[in-house]
Amino acid sequence: MSSILVLYHSQEHGNTGKMAQAVAEGARDAGADVVLFNTNEGRYDIEQYRAFNAVAFGTPDYFSYFAGTLKVFLDDWYIAKLSNAAGLTGKPYALFFSHGGGGAARSPFEKLFAQMGTQIGTIVTSAGTPSATVVAACRELGRKLAGAI
């Protein structure tokens, strides 16, 4: 069975968390085993990342940048990658993103996570609480990601 990690940061209003749940639902509907991890609750162990076939990353926009906890993940990933460790690159990945109206974090989020592998679908964005349309798009993103494995 294919395995997908949904790695995201969510707090306060939980908008990114709602999107993460929808991505996970879509991936599960497509037959994938899914693990959700909210980086607001702790630092993600980079060694566990290697075991997943694909990953979805989600973040809110904080001051026109993505969540610092995901930047910590990228730093850990990069340090591990320098040692030529297996299982870190080349994974299919998907992106989702919430914001309060500006959305300027989209560009650095897409740019920095592009080094992870092959992006599946287009980034799903939500201005505030995810609408039914955004939730449906997140589910579809999860299905596409599972189908790419």
C-alpha atoms as a PDB file:
ATOM      1  CA  MET A   1       0.000   0.000   0.000  1.00  0.00           C
ATOM      2  CA  SER A   2       1.216   3.499  -0.768  1.00  0.00           C
ATOM      3  CA  SER A   3       1.887   5.807   2.146  1.00  0.00           C
ATOM      4  CA  ILE A   4       1.424   9.558   2.229  1.00  0.00           C
ATOM      5  CA  LEU A   5       2.519  12.055   4.840  1.00  0.00           C
ATOM      6  CA  VAL A   6       0.413  15.191   5.256  1.00  0.00           C
ATOM      7  CA  LEU A   7       2.794  17.592   6.987  1.00  0.00           C
ATOM      8  CA  TYR A   8       1.245  20.919   7.901  1.00  0.00           C
ATOM      9  CA  HIS A   9       1.130  23.730  10.431  1.00  0.00           C
ATOM     10  CA  SER A  10      -2.178  24.804  11.921  1.00  0.00           C
ATOM     11  CA  GLN A  11      -3.243  26.691  15.035  1.00  0.00           C
ATOM     12  CA  GLU A  12      -5.676  29.379  16.194  1.00  0.00           C
ATOM     13  CA  HIS A  13      -8.440  29.215  13.533  1.00  0.00           C
ATOM     14  CA  GLY A  14      -7.490  25.764  12.204  1.00  0.00           C
ATOM     15  CA  ASN A  15      -8.024  26.616   8.541  1.00  0.00           C
ATOM     16  CA  THR A  16      -4.899  24.807   7.357  1.00  0.00           C
ATOM     17  CA  GLY A  17      -5.822  21.857   9.574  1.00  0.00           C
ATOM     18  CA  LYS A  18      -9.237  21.615   7.880  1.00  0.00           C
ATOM     19  CA  MET A  19      -7.499  21.574   4.520  1.00  0.00           C
ATOM     20  CA  ALA A  20      -5.057  18.895   5.730  1.00  0.00           C
ATOM     21  CA  GLN A  21      -7.956  16.691   6.824  1.00  0.00           C
ATOM     22  CA  ALA A  22      -9.543  17.024   3.381  1.00  0.00           C
ATOM     23  CA  VAL A  23      -6.277  16.159   1.583  1.00  0.00           C
ATOM     24  CA  ALA A  24      -5.953  13.094   3.823  1.00  0.00           C
ATOM     25  CA  GLU A  25      -9.550  12.040   3.120  1.00  0.00           C
ATOM     26  CA  GLY A  26      -8.974  12.227  -0.624  1.00  0.00           C
ATOM     27  CA  ALA A  27      -5.768  10.204  -0.413  1.00  0.00           C
ATOM     28  CA  ARG A  28      -7.454   7.572   1.773  1.00  0.00           C
ATOM     29  CA  ASP A  29     -10.382   7.382  -0.665  1.00  0.00           C
ATOM     30  CA  ALA A  30      -7.814   6.591  -3.372  1.00  0.00           C
ATOM     31  CA  GLY A  31      -6.424   3.732  -1.277  1.00  0.00           C
ATOM     32  CA  ALA A  32      -3.392   5.312   0.383  1.00  0.00           C
ATOM     33  CA  ASP A  33      -2.316   4.917   3.987  1.00  0.00           C
ATOM     34  CA  VAL A  34      -2.106   8.466   5.377  1.00  0.00           C
ATOM     35  CA  VAL A  35      -0.341   9.976   8.374  1.00  0.00           C
ATOM     36  CA  LEU A  36      -1.152  13.551   9.405  1.00  0.00           C
ATOM     37  CA  PHE A  37       1.386  15.555  11.382  1.00  0.00           C
ATOM     38  CA  ASN A  38       0.788  19.101  12.635  1.00  0.00           C
ATOM     39  CA  THR A  39       4.156  20.789  13.148  1.00  0.00           C
ATOM     40  CA  ASN A  40       2.499  23.102  15.655  1.00  0.00           C
ATOM     41  CA  GLU A  41       2.497  20.105  18.011  1.00  0.00           C
ATOM     42  CA  GLY A  42       6.161  19.200  17.606  1.00  0.00           C
ATOM     43  CA  ARG A  43       9.201  18.924  15.402  1.00  0.00           C
ATOM     44  CA  TYR A  44       8.867  16.300  12.679  1.00  0.00           C
ATOM     45  CA  ASP A  45      11.551  13.583  12.745  1.00  0.00           C
ATOM     46  CA  ILE A  46      13.271  13.668   9.356  1.00  0.00           C
ATOM     47  CA  GLU A  47      14.167   9.977   9.668  1.00  0.00           C
ATOM     48  CA  GLN A  48      10.463   9.091   9.507  1.00  0.00           C
ATOM     49  CA  TYR A  49      10.072  11.104   6.295  1.00  0.00           C
ATOM     50  CA  ARG A  50      12.088   8.567   4.308  1.00  0.00           C
ATOM     51  CA  ALA A  51       9.422   5.860   4.684  1.00  0.00           C
ATOM     52  CA  PHE A  52       6.689   7.764   2.824  1.00  0.00           C
ATOM     53  CA  ASN A  53       6.027   7.446  -0.902  1.00  0.00           C
ATOM     54  CA  ALA A  54       4.575  10.945  -1.229  1.00  0.00           C
ATOM     55  CA  VAL A  55       3.897  14.007   0.895  1.00  0.00           C
ATOM     56  CA  ALA A  56       1.493  16.941   1.056  1.00  0.00           C
ATOM     57  CA  PHE A  57       2.702  20.150   2.696  1.00  0.00           C
ATOM     58  CA  GLY A  58       0.343  22.764   4.116  1.00  0.00           C
ATOM     59  CA  THR A  59       0.912  26.137   5.735  1.00  0.00           C
ATOM     60  CA  PRO A  60      -0.802  29.343   6.718  1.00  0.00           C
ATOM     61  CA  ASP A  61       0.574  32.678   5.582  1.00  0.00           C
ATOM     62  CA  TYR A  62       2.427  34.292   8.478  1.00  0.00           C
ATOM     63  CA  PHE A  63       3.718  37.777   7.687  1.00  0.00           C
ATOM     64  CA  SER A  64       4.014  36.936   3.965  1.00  0.00           C
ATOM     65  CA  TYR A  65       5.991  33.743   4.641  1.00  0.00           C
ATOM     66  CA  PHE A  66       5.132  30.142   5.386  1.00  0.00           C
ATOM     67  CA  ALA A  67       5.117  28.740   8.945  1.00  0.00           C
ATOM     68  CA  GLY A  68       8.482  28.640  10.708  1.00  0.00           C
ATOM     69  CA  THR A  69       7.939  25.043  11.765  1.00  0.00           C
ATOM     70  CA  LEU A  70       7.929  24.021   8.100  1.00  0.00           C
ATOM     71  CA  LYS A  71      11.126  26.010   7.603  1.00  0.00           C
ATOM     72  CA  VAL A  72      12.647  23.959  10.443  1.00  0.00           C
ATOM     73  CA  PHE A  73      11.557  20.813   8.583  1.00  0.00           C
ATOM     74  CA  LEU A  74      13.226  22.107   5.399  1.00  0.00           C
ATOM     75  CA  ASP A  75      16.426  22.827   7.338  1.00  0.00           C
ATOM     76  CA  ASP A  76      16.439  19.290   8.797  1.00  0.00           C
ATOM     77  CA  TRP A  77      15.701  17.855   5.353  1.00  0.00           C
ATOM     78  CA  TYR A  78      18.529  19.826   3.760  1.00  0.00           C
ATOM     79  CA  ILE A  79      21.083  18.763   6.395  1.00  0.00           C
ATOM     80  CA  ALA A  80      20.096  15.110   5.965  1.00  0.00           C
ATOM     81  CA  LYS A  81      20.222  15.497   2.162  1.00  0.00           C
ATOM     82  CA  LEU A  82      23.824  16.744   2.362  1.00  0.00           C
ATOM     83  CA  SER A  83      24.832  13.305   3.631  1.00  0.00           C
ATOM     84  CA  ASN A  84      23.316  11.771   0.472  1.00  0.00           C
ATOM     85  CA  ALA A  85      20.763   9.947   2.588  1.00  0.00           C
ATOM     86  CA  ALA A  86      18.263   7.843   0.645  1.00  0.00           C
ATOM     87  CA  GLY A  87      14.539   8.500   0.591  1.00  0.00           C
ATOM     88  CA  LEU A  88      14.645  12.275   0.837  1.00  0.00           C
ATOM     89  CA  THR A  89      14.280  13.453  -2.756  1.00  0.00           C
ATOM     90  CA  GLY A  90      12.216  12.597  -5.781  1.00  0.00           C
ATOM     91  CA  LYS A  91       8.902  12.111  -3.986  1.00  0.00           C
ATOM     92  CA  PRO A  92       5.648  13.304  -5.501  1.00  0.00           C
ATOM     93  CA  TYR A  93       4.355  16.175  -3.382  1.00  0.00           C
ATOM     94  CA  ALA A  94       1.388  18.516  -3.196  1.00  0.00           C
ATOM     95  CA  LEU A  95       0.893  21.928  -1.604  1.00  0.00           C
ATOM     96  CA  PHE A  96      -1.992  23.639   0.158  1.00  0.00           C
ATOM     97  CA  PHE A  97      -2.070  27.034   1.769  1.00  0.00           C
ATOM     98  CA  SER A  98      -4.352  29.304   3.788  1.00  0.00           C
ATOM     99  CA  HIS A  99      -4.180  33.042   4.281  1.00  0.00           C
ATOM    100  CA  GLY A 100      -6.118  35.932   5.702  1.00  0.00           C
ATOM    101  CA  GLY A 101      -6.357  37.890   2.487  1.00  0.00           C
ATOM    102  CA  GLY A 102      -2.821  38.651   1.334  1.00  0.00           C
ATOM    103  CA  GLY A 103      -1.427  35.332   0.217  1.00  0.00           C
ATOM    104  CA  ALA A 104       2.133  36.599  -0.339  1.00  0.00           C
ATOM    105  CA  ALA A 105       3.637  33.466   1.272  1.00  0.00           C
ATOM    106  CA  ARG A 106       2.588  31.419  -1.755  1.00  0.00           C
ATOM    107  CA  SER A 107       5.667  32.293  -3.792  1.00  0.00           C
ATOM    108  CA  PRO A 108       8.371  31.317  -1.258  1.00  0.00           C
ATOM    109  CA  PHE A 109       6.342  28.245  -0.240  1.00  0.00           C
ATOM    110  CA  GLU A 110       6.173  26.975  -3.823  1.00  0.00           C
ATOM    111  CA  LYS A 111       9.759  27.910  -4.600  1.00  0.00           C
ATOM    112  CA  LEU A 112      11.416  26.295  -1.580  1.00  0.00           C
ATOM    113  CA  PHE A 113       9.367  23.102  -1.617  1.00  0.00           C
ATOM    114  CA  ALA A 114      10.029  22.565  -5.341  1.00  0.00           C
ATOM    115  CA  GLN A 115      13.278  20.820  -4.416  1.00  0.00           C
ATOM    116  CA  MET A 116      11.341  17.970  -2.764  1.00  0.00           C
ATOM    117  CA  GLY A 117      10.435  16.138  -5.965  1.00  0.00           C
ATOM    118  CA  THR A 118       7.635  16.411  -8.508  1.00  0.00           C
ATOM    119  CA  GLN A 119       4.686  18.635  -7.682  1.00  0.00           C
ATOM    120  CA  ILE A 120       1.325  16.994  -8.265  1.00  0.00           C
ATOM    121  CA  GLY A 121      -1.562  19.271  -9.165  1.00  0.00           C
ATOM    122  CA  THR A 122      -1.574  22.965  -8.424  1.00  0.00           C
ATOM    123  CA  ILE A 123      -1.418  24.570  -5.014  1.00  0.00           C
ATOM    124  CA  VAL A 124      -4.824  24.808  -3.319  1.00  0.00           C
ATOM    125  CA  THR A 125      -5.399  28.089  -1.500  1.00  0.00           C
ATOM    126  CA  SER A 126      -8.001  29.298   0.939  1.00  0.00           C
ATOM    127  CA  ALA A 127      -8.645  32.874   1.994  1.00  0.00           C
ATOM    128  CA  GLY A 128      -9.851  32.326   5.534  1.00  0.00           C
ATOM    129  CA  THR A 129     -12.101  29.407   6.429  1.00  0.00           C
ATOM    130  CA  PRO A 130     -12.023  26.811   3.636  1.00  0.00           C
ATOM    131  CA  SER A 131     -15.199  26.892   1.538  1.00  0.00           C
ATOM    132  CA  ALA A 132     -16.892  23.744   0.260  1.00  0.00           C
ATOM    133  CA  THR A 133     -15.109  24.346  -3.057  1.00  0.00           C
ATOM    134  CA  VAL A 134     -11.705  24.527  -1.351  1.00  0.00           C
ATOM    135  CA  VAL A 135     -12.407  21.392   0.696  1.00  0.00           C
ATOM    136  CA  ALA A 136     -13.392  19.550  -2.506  1.00  0.00           C
ATOM    137  CA  ALA A 137     -10.200  20.782  -4.207  1.00  0.00           C
ATOM    138  CA  CYS A 138      -8.144  19.516  -1.261  1.00  0.00           C
ATOM    139  CA  ARG A 139      -9.806  16.103  -1.463  1.00  0.00           C
ATOM    140  CA  GLU A 140      -9.067  15.992  -5.181  1.00  0.00           C
ATOM    141  CA  LEU A 141      -5.459  16.987  -4.500  1.00  0.00           C
ATOM    142  CA  GLY A 142      -5.157  14.047  -2.080  1.00  0.00           C
ATOM    143  CA  ARG A 143      -6.590  11.668  -4.698  1.00  0.00           C
ATOM    144  CA  LYS A 144      -4.172  12.980  -7.340  1.00  0.00           C
ATOM    145  CA  LEU A 145      -1.241  12.604  -4.979  1.00  0.00           C
ATOM    146  CA  ALA A 146      -2.198   9.000  -4.175  1.00  0.00           C
ATOM    147  CA  GLY A 147      -2.598   8.306  -7.883  1.00  0.00           C
ATOM    148  CA  ALA A 148       0.885   9.622  -8.620  1.00  0.00           C
ATOM    149  CA  ILE A 149       2.597   6.933  -6.555  1.00  0.00           C
END
